[in-house]
């Protein structure tokens, strides 16, 4: 498992910084996000009140194709797929039903799917993309930082790009000064806000 290269919590109260570091670590572990984040800087100042989290992500896992979890075998007018696990079964079936139609897709059991009379060969089926892990990362990060931010900090602003994100929360209205604060926290990590 990849570790976070840079992890800093900045708070006017040193004890508060330690508590927030532990809370953040626990929540990221619980949500399986430690492997996703490369750098993370959190700034908490209850006196303002403001919570800022900025981060840089590891390269997100590649696209998941049928070949990654299923053996694809052409057998006399049909293509038989034998799944190693059923993690991507539902999205694969949804794609197959859309693409080939219900009459051409048969699920024999939990680990076997048969495509009958389809106009593609086995190699093309192997290359079909069934999942993009990066799609759920943004939602997972926002949910995690909602859990980490202080209770009552309901006014939020967040942004996510391919490799960076920020999450800002407060009890008060967020002003234009927030952008300068976010840029300064990225700079503390040696990064530039996207």
N, C-alpha and C. Protein backbone atom coordinates (compact mmCIF):
# COMPACT_ATOMS: atom_id res chain seq x y z
N UNK A 1 0.84 -1.18 0.00
CA UNK A 1 0.00 0.00 0.00
C UNK A 1 0.88 1.24 0.00
N UNK A 2 0.55 2.18 -0.85
CA UNK A 2 1.30 3.42 -0.91
C UNK A 2 0.94 4.29 0.29
N UNK A 3 1.94 4.94 0.85
CA UNK A 3 1.71 5.83 1.98
C UNK A 3 1.62 7.27 1.49
N UNK A 4 1.09 8.13 2.35
CA UNK A 4 1.03 9.55 2.02
C UNK A 4 2.44 10.11 2.20
N UNK A 5 2.96 10.71 1.14
CA UNK A 5 4.32 11.25 1.14
C UNK A 5 4.44 12.47 2.07
N UNK A 6 3.41 13.33 2.06
CA UNK A 6 3.40 14.55 2.86
C UNK A 6 2.04 14.63 3.54
N UNK A 7 2.03 14.75 4.87
CA UNK A 7 0.78 14.83 5.62
C UNK A 7 0.99 15.79 6.78
N UNK A 8 0.37 16.96 6.68
CA UNK A 8 0.55 18.01 7.69
C UNK A 8 -0.82 18.55 8.10
N UNK A 9 -0.99 18.74 9.41
CA UNK A 9 -2.19 19.41 9.92
C UNK A 9 -1.73 20.66 10.65
N UNK A 10 -2.24 21.80 10.21
CA UNK A 10 -1.86 23.10 10.75
C UNK A 10 -3.06 23.66 11.53
N UNK A 11 -2.80 24.02 12.78
CA UNK A 11 -3.86 24.54 13.64
C UNK A 11 -3.22 25.44 14.69
N UNK A 12 -3.90 26.55 15.09
CA UNK A 12 -3.33 27.43 16.12
C UNK A 12 -3.07 26.70 17.44
N UNK A 13 -3.85 25.66 17.72
CA UNK A 13 -3.67 24.86 18.93
C UNK A 13 -2.90 23.58 18.58
N UNK A 14 -1.70 23.36 19.11
CA UNK A 14 -0.94 22.15 18.81
C UNK A 14 -1.69 20.86 19.14
N UNK A 15 -2.42 20.84 20.24
CA UNK A 15 -3.18 19.65 20.60
C UNK A 15 -4.31 19.41 19.59
N UNK A 16 -4.94 20.50 19.13
CA UNK A 16 -5.97 20.39 18.10
C UNK A 16 -5.41 19.81 16.81
N UNK A 17 -4.20 20.21 16.45
CA UNK A 17 -3.55 19.68 15.25
C UNK A 17 -3.34 18.17 15.37
N UNK A 18 -2.90 17.73 16.55
CA UNK A 18 -2.69 16.29 16.77
C UNK A 18 -4.00 15.52 16.66
N UNK A 19 -5.06 16.06 17.29
CA UNK A 19 -6.37 15.40 17.21
C UNK A 19 -6.86 15.31 15.77
N UNK A 20 -6.73 16.40 15.03
CA UNK A 20 -7.19 16.39 13.64
C UNK A 20 -6.34 15.48 12.77
N UNK A 21 -5.08 15.35 13.07
CA UNK A 21 -4.23 14.42 12.31
C UNK A 21 -4.72 12.99 12.54
N UNK A 22 -5.04 12.66 13.79
CA UNK A 22 -5.52 11.31 14.09
C UNK A 22 -6.89 11.06 13.48
N UNK A 23 -7.79 12.04 13.59
CA UNK A 23 -9.13 11.91 13.00
C UNK A 23 -9.01 11.70 11.49
N UNK A 24 -8.19 12.52 10.84
CA UNK A 24 -8.00 12.42 9.39
C UNK A 24 -7.45 11.06 9.01
N UNK A 25 -6.43 10.62 9.72
CA UNK A 25 -5.84 9.32 9.44
C UNK A 25 -6.87 8.20 9.57
N UNK A 26 -7.66 8.23 10.65
CA UNK A 26 -8.68 7.19 10.87
C UNK A 26 -9.73 7.19 9.77
N UNK A 27 -10.23 8.38 9.41
CA UNK A 27 -11.28 8.46 8.39
C UNK A 27 -10.74 8.01 7.02
N UNK A 28 -9.54 8.44 6.67
CA UNK A 28 -8.96 8.03 5.38
C UNK A 28 -8.73 6.53 5.34
N UNK A 29 -8.29 5.95 6.45
CA UNK A 29 -8.13 4.49 6.51
C UNK A 29 -9.47 3.79 6.39
N UNK A 30 -10.48 4.29 7.13
CA UNK A 30 -11.82 3.68 7.09
C UNK A 30 -12.42 3.72 5.69
N UNK A 31 -12.14 4.77 4.94
CA UNK A 31 -12.69 4.93 3.59
C UNK A 31 -11.74 4.44 2.50
N UNK A 32 -10.65 3.80 2.91
CA UNK A 32 -9.68 3.23 1.98
C UNK A 32 -9.14 4.27 1.01
N UNK A 33 -8.83 5.47 1.52
CA UNK A 33 -8.34 6.55 0.68
C UNK A 33 -6.86 6.85 0.87
N UNK A 34 -6.20 6.18 1.81
CA UNK A 34 -4.77 6.40 2.04
C UNK A 34 -3.99 6.11 0.76
N UNK A 35 -4.39 5.08 0.05
CA UNK A 35 -3.67 4.67 -1.17
C UNK A 35 -3.87 5.65 -2.32
N UNK A 36 -4.85 6.54 -2.22
CA UNK A 36 -5.20 7.45 -3.29
C UNK A 36 -4.46 8.79 -3.16
N UNK A 37 -4.18 9.20 -1.92
CA UNK A 37 -3.62 10.53 -1.67
C UNK A 37 -2.10 10.46 -1.56
N UNK A 38 -1.42 11.35 -2.27
CA UNK A 38 0.04 11.43 -2.23
C UNK A 38 0.49 12.49 -1.23
N UNK A 39 -0.15 13.66 -1.28
CA UNK A 39 0.18 14.76 -0.36
C UNK A 39 -1.12 15.33 0.18
N UNK A 40 -1.08 15.72 1.48
CA UNK A 40 -2.27 16.28 2.10
C UNK A 40 -1.86 17.33 3.12
N UNK A 41 -2.47 18.51 3.01
CA UNK A 41 -2.25 19.57 4.00
C UNK A 41 -3.63 20.03 4.47
N UNK A 42 -3.81 20.03 5.79
CA UNK A 42 -5.07 20.48 6.38
C UNK A 42 -4.78 21.68 7.26
N UNK A 43 -5.63 22.68 7.14
CA UNK A 43 -5.54 23.87 7.97
C UNK A 43 -6.88 24.02 8.68
N UNK A 44 -6.85 24.08 10.01
CA UNK A 44 -8.06 24.23 10.81
C UNK A 44 -7.87 25.41 11.75
N UNK A 45 -8.81 26.34 11.71
CA UNK A 45 -8.79 27.45 12.66
C UNK A 45 -10.22 27.71 13.12
N UNK A 46 -10.59 27.13 14.27
CA UNK A 46 -11.96 27.30 14.76
C UNK A 46 -12.30 28.75 15.09
N UNK A 47 -11.30 29.58 15.34
CA UNK A 47 -11.54 30.98 15.65
C UNK A 47 -12.03 31.79 14.47
N UNK A 48 -11.70 31.38 13.25
CA UNK A 48 -12.07 32.17 12.06
C UNK A 48 -13.56 32.01 11.71
N UNK A 49 -14.21 30.96 11.64
CA UNK A 49 -13.90 29.54 11.59
C UNK A 49 -13.67 29.07 10.14
N UNK A 50 -12.64 28.21 9.96
CA UNK A 50 -12.33 27.71 8.62
C UNK A 50 -11.66 26.34 8.72
N UNK A 51 -11.96 25.49 7.75
CA UNK A 51 -11.32 24.18 7.60
C UNK A 51 -10.92 24.08 6.13
N UNK A 52 -9.64 23.84 5.86
CA UNK A 52 -9.15 23.73 4.49
C UNK A 52 -8.34 22.45 4.37
N UNK A 53 -8.67 21.65 3.38
CA UNK A 53 -7.87 20.45 3.06
C UNK A 53 -7.47 20.56 1.60
N UNK A 54 -6.17 20.47 1.33
CA UNK A 54 -5.68 20.47 -0.05
C UNK A 54 -4.85 19.21 -0.23
N UNK A 55 -4.89 18.65 -1.43
CA UNK A 55 -4.15 17.42 -1.63
C UNK A 55 -3.77 17.16 -3.07
N UNK A 56 -2.81 16.27 -3.20
CA UNK A 56 -2.34 15.78 -4.49
C UNK A 56 -2.59 14.28 -4.49
N UNK A 57 -3.12 13.78 -5.58
CA UNK A 57 -3.47 12.37 -5.67
C UNK A 57 -2.39 11.56 -6.37
N UNK A 58 -2.29 10.29 -5.97
CA UNK A 58 -1.48 9.35 -6.74
C UNK A 58 -2.17 9.16 -8.08
N UNK A 59 -1.46 8.64 -9.04
CA UNK A 59 -2.10 8.33 -10.32
C UNK A 59 -3.19 7.30 -10.05
N UNK A 60 -4.38 7.59 -10.51
CA UNK A 60 -5.53 6.72 -10.27
C UNK A 60 -5.38 5.45 -11.10
N UNK A 61 -5.82 4.35 -10.51
CA UNK A 61 -5.75 3.05 -11.16
C UNK A 61 -6.31 3.11 -12.57
N UNK A 62 -5.75 2.32 -13.41
CA UNK A 62 -6.16 2.29 -14.81
C UNK A 62 -7.60 1.81 -14.97
N UNK A 63 -8.12 1.98 -16.16
CA UNK A 63 -9.47 1.54 -16.47
C UNK A 63 -9.57 0.02 -16.31
N UNK A 64 -10.73 -0.46 -15.92
CA UNK A 64 -10.94 -1.90 -15.76
C UNK A 64 -11.63 -2.41 -17.02
N UNK A 65 -10.97 -3.36 -17.65
CA UNK A 65 -11.50 -3.98 -18.88
C UNK A 65 -11.93 -5.40 -18.57
N UNK A 66 -12.76 -5.98 -19.43
CA UNK A 66 -13.25 -7.34 -19.24
C UNK A 66 -12.08 -8.31 -19.03
N UNK A 67 -11.00 -8.14 -19.78
CA UNK A 67 -9.85 -9.06 -19.68
C UNK A 67 -9.20 -9.06 -18.30
N UNK A 68 -9.42 -8.00 -17.51
CA UNK A 68 -8.80 -7.89 -16.20
C UNK A 68 -9.42 -8.82 -15.16
N UNK A 69 -10.64 -9.30 -15.41
CA UNK A 69 -11.29 -10.14 -14.40
C UNK A 69 -12.02 -11.35 -14.99
N UNK A 70 -11.91 -11.56 -16.31
CA UNK A 70 -12.62 -12.68 -16.93
C UNK A 70 -11.79 -13.30 -18.04
N UNK A 71 -11.90 -14.62 -18.15
CA UNK A 71 -11.32 -15.34 -19.29
C UNK A 71 -12.40 -15.33 -20.38
N UNK A 72 -12.02 -14.91 -21.58
CA UNK A 72 -12.96 -14.78 -22.69
C UNK A 72 -12.63 -15.86 -23.71
N UNK A 73 -13.57 -16.81 -23.90
CA UNK A 73 -13.31 -17.96 -24.76
C UNK A 73 -14.36 -18.07 -25.85
N UNK A 74 -13.93 -18.01 -27.15
CA UNK A 74 -14.90 -18.23 -28.23
C UNK A 74 -15.18 -19.73 -28.35
N UNK A 75 -16.47 -20.10 -28.40
CA UNK A 75 -16.86 -21.50 -28.49
C UNK A 75 -18.05 -21.61 -29.44
N UNK A 76 -17.84 -22.17 -30.62
CA UNK A 76 -18.88 -22.47 -31.60
C UNK A 76 -20.05 -21.48 -31.62
N UNK A 77 -19.83 -20.30 -32.20
CA UNK A 77 -20.90 -19.34 -32.38
C UNK A 77 -21.26 -18.53 -31.14
N UNK A 78 -20.54 -18.73 -30.08
CA UNK A 78 -20.80 -17.93 -28.88
C UNK A 78 -19.48 -17.58 -28.21
N UNK A 79 -19.54 -16.64 -27.31
CA UNK A 79 -18.36 -16.26 -26.52
C UNK A 79 -18.70 -16.49 -25.06
N UNK A 80 -17.88 -17.34 -24.43
CA UNK A 80 -18.11 -17.67 -23.03
C UNK A 80 -17.12 -16.90 -22.17
N UNK A 81 -17.63 -16.24 -21.14
CA UNK A 81 -16.79 -15.50 -20.20
C UNK A 81 -16.84 -16.20 -18.85
N UNK A 82 -15.66 -16.49 -18.30
CA UNK A 82 -15.56 -17.09 -16.98
C UNK A 82 -14.89 -16.06 -16.08
N UNK A 83 -15.64 -15.58 -15.09
CA UNK A 83 -15.17 -14.51 -14.22
C UNK A 83 -14.32 -15.05 -13.07
N UNK A 84 -13.22 -14.36 -12.79
CA UNK A 84 -12.37 -14.71 -11.65
C UNK A 84 -13.01 -14.23 -10.35
N UNK A 85 -13.72 -13.10 -10.42
CA UNK A 85 -14.50 -12.61 -9.28
C UNK A 85 -15.68 -11.82 -9.83
N UNK A 86 -16.65 -11.56 -8.97
CA UNK A 86 -17.88 -10.92 -9.45
C UNK A 86 -17.96 -9.43 -9.15
N UNK A 87 -16.85 -8.82 -8.81
CA UNK A 87 -16.83 -7.40 -8.48
C UNK A 87 -17.42 -6.54 -9.59
N UNK A 88 -17.08 -6.82 -10.82
CA UNK A 88 -17.52 -5.99 -11.95
C UNK A 88 -18.62 -6.66 -12.78
N UNK A 89 -19.25 -7.69 -12.24
CA UNK A 89 -20.30 -8.40 -12.96
C UNK A 89 -21.47 -7.49 -13.33
N UNK A 90 -21.99 -6.75 -12.38
CA UNK A 90 -23.16 -5.89 -12.64
C UNK A 90 -22.89 -4.83 -13.72
N UNK A 91 -21.78 -4.06 -13.61
CA UNK A 91 -21.56 -3.08 -14.69
C UNK A 91 -21.28 -3.75 -16.04
N UNK A 92 -20.62 -4.90 -16.03
CA UNK A 92 -20.37 -5.60 -17.29
C UNK A 92 -21.68 -6.04 -17.92
N UNK A 93 -22.58 -6.62 -17.14
CA UNK A 93 -23.87 -7.05 -17.68
C UNK A 93 -24.67 -5.87 -18.22
N UNK A 94 -24.64 -4.75 -17.51
CA UNK A 94 -25.35 -3.54 -17.96
C UNK A 94 -24.83 -3.10 -19.34
N UNK A 95 -23.51 -3.11 -19.50
CA UNK A 95 -22.89 -2.72 -20.77
C UNK A 95 -23.24 -3.72 -21.86
N UNK A 96 -23.15 -5.01 -21.55
CA UNK A 96 -23.47 -6.05 -22.53
C UNK A 96 -24.93 -5.95 -22.98
N UNK A 97 -25.84 -5.75 -22.04
CA UNK A 97 -27.26 -5.66 -22.39
C UNK A 97 -27.53 -4.45 -23.28
N UNK A 98 -26.89 -3.32 -23.00
CA UNK A 98 -27.04 -2.14 -23.83
C UNK A 98 -26.47 -2.36 -25.23
N UNK A 99 -25.29 -2.96 -25.26
CA UNK A 99 -24.56 -3.10 -26.52
C UNK A 99 -25.08 -4.23 -27.41
N UNK A 100 -25.38 -5.38 -26.79
CA UNK A 100 -25.74 -6.56 -27.59
C UNK A 100 -27.22 -6.91 -27.53
N UNK A 101 -27.95 -6.42 -26.54
CA UNK A 101 -29.36 -6.74 -26.39
C UNK A 101 -29.58 -7.96 -25.51
N UNK A 102 -30.74 -7.98 -24.88
CA UNK A 102 -31.05 -9.04 -23.91
C UNK A 102 -31.07 -10.44 -24.53
N UNK A 103 -31.45 -10.54 -25.79
CA UNK A 103 -31.53 -11.84 -26.45
C UNK A 103 -30.16 -12.48 -26.67
N UNK A 104 -29.09 -11.67 -26.58
CA UNK A 104 -27.75 -12.19 -26.87
C UNK A 104 -26.88 -12.36 -25.63
N UNK A 105 -27.40 -12.01 -24.46
CA UNK A 105 -26.62 -12.10 -23.23
C UNK A 105 -27.30 -13.07 -22.28
N UNK A 106 -26.53 -14.05 -21.82
CA UNK A 106 -27.08 -15.05 -20.89
C UNK A 106 -26.12 -15.20 -19.71
N UNK A 107 -26.68 -15.12 -18.52
CA UNK A 107 -25.86 -15.33 -17.32
C UNK A 107 -26.17 -16.73 -16.82
N UNK A 108 -25.26 -17.65 -17.08
CA UNK A 108 -25.47 -19.05 -16.70
C UNK A 108 -25.41 -19.23 -15.18
N UNK A 109 -24.45 -18.56 -14.53
CA UNK A 109 -24.33 -18.57 -13.07
C UNK A 109 -23.52 -17.35 -12.65
N UNK A 110 -23.16 -17.28 -11.38
CA UNK A 110 -22.46 -16.09 -10.86
C UNK A 110 -21.15 -15.81 -11.57
N UNK A 111 -20.51 -16.84 -12.10
CA UNK A 111 -19.18 -16.67 -12.67
C UNK A 111 -19.12 -16.97 -14.17
N UNK A 112 -20.26 -17.15 -14.81
CA UNK A 112 -20.27 -17.47 -16.24
C UNK A 112 -21.31 -16.62 -16.98
N UNK A 113 -20.84 -15.97 -18.04
CA UNK A 113 -21.72 -15.19 -18.91
C UNK A 113 -21.46 -15.66 -20.34
N UNK A 114 -22.54 -15.82 -21.10
CA UNK A 114 -22.42 -16.28 -22.48
C UNK A 114 -23.02 -15.22 -23.40
N UNK A 115 -22.26 -14.87 -24.44
CA UNK A 115 -22.73 -13.97 -25.48
C UNK A 115 -23.02 -14.82 -26.71
N UNK A 116 -24.26 -14.78 -27.19
CA UNK A 116 -24.66 -15.59 -28.35
C UNK A 116 -24.92 -14.70 -29.57
N UNK A 117 -24.42 -15.16 -30.71
CA UNK A 117 -24.68 -14.48 -31.99
C UNK A 117 -24.39 -12.98 -31.93
N UNK A 118 -23.20 -12.63 -31.47
CA UNK A 118 -22.81 -11.22 -31.44
C UNK A 118 -21.84 -10.94 -32.58
N UNK A 119 -21.78 -9.71 -33.01
CA UNK A 119 -20.97 -9.35 -34.18
C UNK A 119 -19.57 -8.85 -33.80
N UNK A 120 -19.04 -9.32 -32.70
CA UNK A 120 -17.68 -8.97 -32.28
C UNK A 120 -16.93 -10.26 -31.98
N UNK A 121 -15.60 -10.15 -32.02
CA UNK A 121 -14.82 -11.33 -31.67
C UNK A 121 -14.39 -11.25 -30.20
N UNK A 122 -13.77 -12.32 -29.73
CA UNK A 122 -13.38 -12.42 -28.32
C UNK A 122 -12.41 -11.31 -27.92
N UNK A 123 -11.49 -10.94 -28.82
CA UNK A 123 -10.53 -9.88 -28.49
C UNK A 123 -11.22 -8.54 -28.24
N UNK A 124 -12.23 -8.25 -29.04
CA UNK A 124 -12.99 -7.00 -28.84
C UNK A 124 -13.72 -7.01 -27.50
N UNK A 125 -14.29 -8.16 -27.13
CA UNK A 125 -14.98 -8.28 -25.84
C UNK A 125 -14.00 -8.07 -24.69
N UNK A 126 -12.79 -8.61 -24.81
CA UNK A 126 -11.77 -8.45 -23.76
C UNK A 126 -11.44 -6.98 -23.52
N UNK A 127 -11.52 -6.16 -24.55
CA UNK A 127 -11.14 -4.75 -24.46
C UNK A 127 -12.25 -3.82 -23.98
N UNK A 128 -13.44 -4.33 -23.80
CA UNK A 128 -14.56 -3.48 -23.35
C UNK A 128 -14.27 -2.97 -21.94
N UNK A 129 -14.40 -1.65 -21.76
CA UNK A 129 -14.16 -1.01 -20.46
C UNK A 129 -15.44 -1.11 -19.64
N UNK A 130 -15.32 -1.64 -18.42
CA UNK A 130 -16.50 -1.80 -17.57
C UNK A 130 -16.48 -0.87 -16.35
N UNK A 131 -15.32 -0.30 -16.01
CA UNK A 131 -15.28 0.59 -14.85
C UNK A 131 -14.11 1.56 -14.96
N UNK A 132 -14.32 2.74 -14.39
CA UNK A 132 -13.28 3.75 -14.29
C UNK A 132 -13.17 4.12 -12.81
N UNK A 133 -12.17 3.57 -12.09
CA UNK A 133 -12.06 3.81 -10.65
C UNK A 133 -11.97 5.29 -10.27
N UNK A 134 -11.50 6.14 -11.17
CA UNK A 134 -11.36 7.55 -10.82
C UNK A 134 -12.72 8.24 -10.65
N UNK A 135 -13.78 7.67 -11.22
CA UNK A 135 -15.10 8.29 -11.12
C UNK A 135 -15.60 8.39 -9.69
N UNK A 136 -15.32 7.39 -8.87
CA UNK A 136 -15.83 7.38 -7.51
C UNK A 136 -14.90 8.06 -6.51
N UNK A 137 -13.65 8.31 -6.89
CA UNK A 137 -12.68 8.90 -5.96
C UNK A 137 -13.15 10.26 -5.47
N UNK A 138 -13.65 11.11 -6.36
CA UNK A 138 -14.09 12.45 -5.98
C UNK A 138 -15.18 12.38 -4.92
N UNK A 139 -16.21 11.56 -5.17
CA UNK A 139 -17.30 11.42 -4.21
C UNK A 139 -16.80 10.90 -2.87
N UNK A 140 -15.89 9.93 -2.92
CA UNK A 140 -15.34 9.35 -1.69
C UNK A 140 -14.53 10.38 -0.90
N UNK A 141 -13.75 11.20 -1.60
CA UNK A 141 -12.97 12.25 -0.93
C UNK A 141 -13.87 13.28 -0.27
N UNK A 142 -14.88 13.74 -0.98
CA UNK A 142 -15.79 14.74 -0.43
C UNK A 142 -16.50 14.18 0.79
N UNK A 143 -16.97 12.96 0.70
CA UNK A 143 -17.64 12.34 1.84
C UNK A 143 -16.69 12.23 3.04
N UNK A 144 -15.47 11.81 2.80
CA UNK A 144 -14.49 11.68 3.88
C UNK A 144 -14.21 13.02 4.54
N UNK A 145 -14.03 14.07 3.74
CA UNK A 145 -13.73 15.38 4.32
C UNK A 145 -14.94 16.00 5.01
N UNK A 146 -16.15 15.63 4.61
CA UNK A 146 -17.32 16.05 5.37
C UNK A 146 -17.27 15.45 6.78
N UNK A 147 -16.79 14.21 6.87
CA UNK A 147 -16.66 13.55 8.18
C UNK A 147 -15.54 14.17 9.02
N UNK A 148 -14.49 14.61 8.37
CA UNK A 148 -13.32 15.15 9.07
C UNK A 148 -13.54 16.59 9.53
N UNK A 149 -14.21 17.39 8.71
CA UNK A 149 -14.42 18.81 9.03
C UNK A 149 -15.18 18.96 10.34
N UNK A 150 -14.95 20.06 11.06
CA UNK A 150 -15.65 20.27 12.33
C UNK A 150 -17.17 20.27 12.16
N UNK A 151 -17.85 19.78 13.16
CA UNK A 151 -19.31 19.75 13.19
C UNK A 151 -19.85 21.17 13.02
N UNK A 152 -20.84 21.34 12.18
CA UNK A 152 -21.45 22.64 11.97
C UNK A 152 -20.85 23.44 10.83
N UNK A 153 -19.73 22.98 10.26
CA UNK A 153 -19.11 23.68 9.12
C UNK A 153 -19.83 23.20 7.85
N UNK A 154 -20.97 23.80 7.59
CA UNK A 154 -21.85 23.32 6.52
C UNK A 154 -21.68 24.06 5.19
N UNK A 155 -21.07 25.23 5.22
CA UNK A 155 -20.85 25.98 3.99
C UNK A 155 -19.55 25.48 3.39
N UNK A 156 -19.63 24.96 2.17
CA UNK A 156 -18.46 24.28 1.60
C UNK A 156 -18.17 24.76 0.19
N UNK A 157 -16.92 24.58 -0.17
CA UNK A 157 -16.48 24.76 -1.55
C UNK A 157 -15.46 23.67 -1.80
N UNK A 158 -15.59 22.99 -2.92
CA UNK A 158 -14.61 21.95 -3.24
C UNK A 158 -14.31 21.97 -4.72
N UNK A 159 -13.13 21.45 -5.04
CA UNK A 159 -12.71 21.34 -6.44
C UNK A 159 -11.84 20.11 -6.56
N UNK A 160 -11.99 19.44 -7.69
CA UNK A 160 -11.25 18.21 -7.94
C UNK A 160 -10.79 18.24 -9.39
N UNK A 161 -9.51 18.01 -9.61
CA UNK A 161 -8.99 17.86 -10.97
C UNK A 161 -8.42 16.45 -11.07
N UNK A 162 -7.75 16.18 -12.16
CA UNK A 162 -7.20 14.84 -12.38
C UNK A 162 -6.23 14.43 -11.26
N UNK A 163 -5.47 15.39 -10.74
CA UNK A 163 -4.46 15.00 -9.76
C UNK A 163 -4.44 15.85 -8.49
N UNK A 164 -5.35 16.82 -8.35
CA UNK A 164 -5.37 17.67 -7.15
C UNK A 164 -6.81 17.91 -6.71
N UNK A 165 -6.94 18.27 -5.44
CA UNK A 165 -8.26 18.60 -4.92
C UNK A 165 -8.12 19.58 -3.76
N UNK A 166 -9.22 20.28 -3.49
CA UNK A 166 -9.31 21.02 -2.23
C UNK A 166 -10.73 20.95 -1.72
N UNK A 167 -10.86 21.09 -0.41
CA UNK A 167 -12.14 21.07 0.28
C UNK A 167 -12.07 22.14 1.34
N UNK A 168 -12.99 23.09 1.31
CA UNK A 168 -13.04 24.18 2.28
C UNK A 168 -14.42 24.16 2.93
N UNK A 169 -14.45 24.31 4.27
CA UNK A 169 -15.72 24.35 4.98
C UNK A 169 -15.65 25.40 6.07
N UNK A 170 -16.84 25.99 6.37
CA UNK A 170 -16.91 27.02 7.40
C UNK A 170 -18.34 27.13 7.91
N UNK A 171 -18.49 27.84 9.02
CA UNK A 171 -19.82 28.20 9.51
C UNK A 171 -20.29 29.47 8.82
N UNK A 172 -19.35 30.27 8.36
CA UNK A 172 -19.63 31.57 7.76
C UNK A 172 -19.54 31.51 6.23
N UNK A 173 -20.02 32.54 5.59
CA UNK A 173 -19.92 32.63 4.13
C UNK A 173 -18.45 32.61 3.71
N UNK A 174 -18.17 31.93 2.62
CA UNK A 174 -16.80 31.84 2.10
C UNK A 174 -16.55 33.03 1.17
N UNK A 175 -15.49 33.76 1.44
CA UNK A 175 -15.16 34.94 0.64
C UNK A 175 -14.12 34.59 -0.42
N UNK A 176 -13.75 35.58 -1.22
CA UNK A 176 -12.72 35.39 -2.25
C UNK A 176 -11.36 35.12 -1.62
N UNK A 177 -11.19 35.48 -0.35
CA UNK A 177 -9.92 35.24 0.34
C UNK A 177 -9.61 33.75 0.47
N UNK A 178 -10.64 32.93 0.35
CA UNK A 178 -10.44 31.48 0.44
C UNK A 178 -9.50 30.98 -0.64
N UNK A 179 -9.63 31.53 -1.86
CA UNK A 179 -8.76 31.09 -2.97
C UNK A 179 -7.29 31.35 -2.65
N UNK A 180 -6.99 32.50 -2.07
CA UNK A 180 -5.61 32.81 -1.69
C UNK A 180 -5.13 31.86 -0.59
N UNK A 181 -6.01 31.52 0.34
CA UNK A 181 -5.66 30.58 1.41
C UNK A 181 -5.37 29.19 0.84
N UNK A 182 -6.21 28.75 -0.08
CA UNK A 182 -6.01 27.44 -0.72
C UNK A 182 -4.68 27.43 -1.48
N UNK A 183 -4.40 28.49 -2.25
CA UNK A 183 -3.13 28.57 -2.98
C UNK A 183 -1.93 28.50 -2.03
N UNK A 184 -2.05 29.19 -0.88
CA UNK A 184 -0.93 29.20 0.08
C UNK A 184 -0.71 27.81 0.69
N UNK A 185 -1.77 27.05 0.88
CA UNK A 185 -1.62 25.70 1.45
C UNK A 185 -1.02 24.74 0.42
N UNK A 186 -1.39 24.91 -0.85
CA UNK A 186 -0.74 24.12 -1.90
C UNK A 186 0.75 24.46 -1.95
N UNK A 187 1.07 25.76 -1.84
CA UNK A 187 2.47 26.20 -1.87
C UNK A 187 3.27 25.59 -0.73
N UNK A 188 2.66 25.42 0.45
CA UNK A 188 3.37 24.80 1.58
C UNK A 188 3.79 23.37 1.27
N UNK A 189 3.07 22.72 0.35
CA UNK A 189 3.42 21.36 -0.06
C UNK A 189 4.35 21.36 -1.26
N UNK A 190 4.67 22.56 -1.78
CA UNK A 190 5.51 22.65 -2.97
C UNK A 190 4.72 22.42 -4.24
N UNK A 191 3.43 22.70 -4.20
CA UNK A 191 2.55 22.48 -5.34
C UNK A 191 1.89 23.79 -5.75
N UNK A 192 1.31 23.80 -6.94
CA UNK A 192 0.55 24.94 -7.45
C UNK A 192 -0.87 24.48 -7.63
N UNK A 193 -1.83 25.29 -7.17
CA UNK A 193 -3.25 24.94 -7.32
C UNK A 193 -3.59 24.88 -8.80
N UNK A 194 -4.31 23.84 -9.16
CA UNK A 194 -4.70 23.64 -10.57
C UNK A 194 -5.76 24.61 -11.00
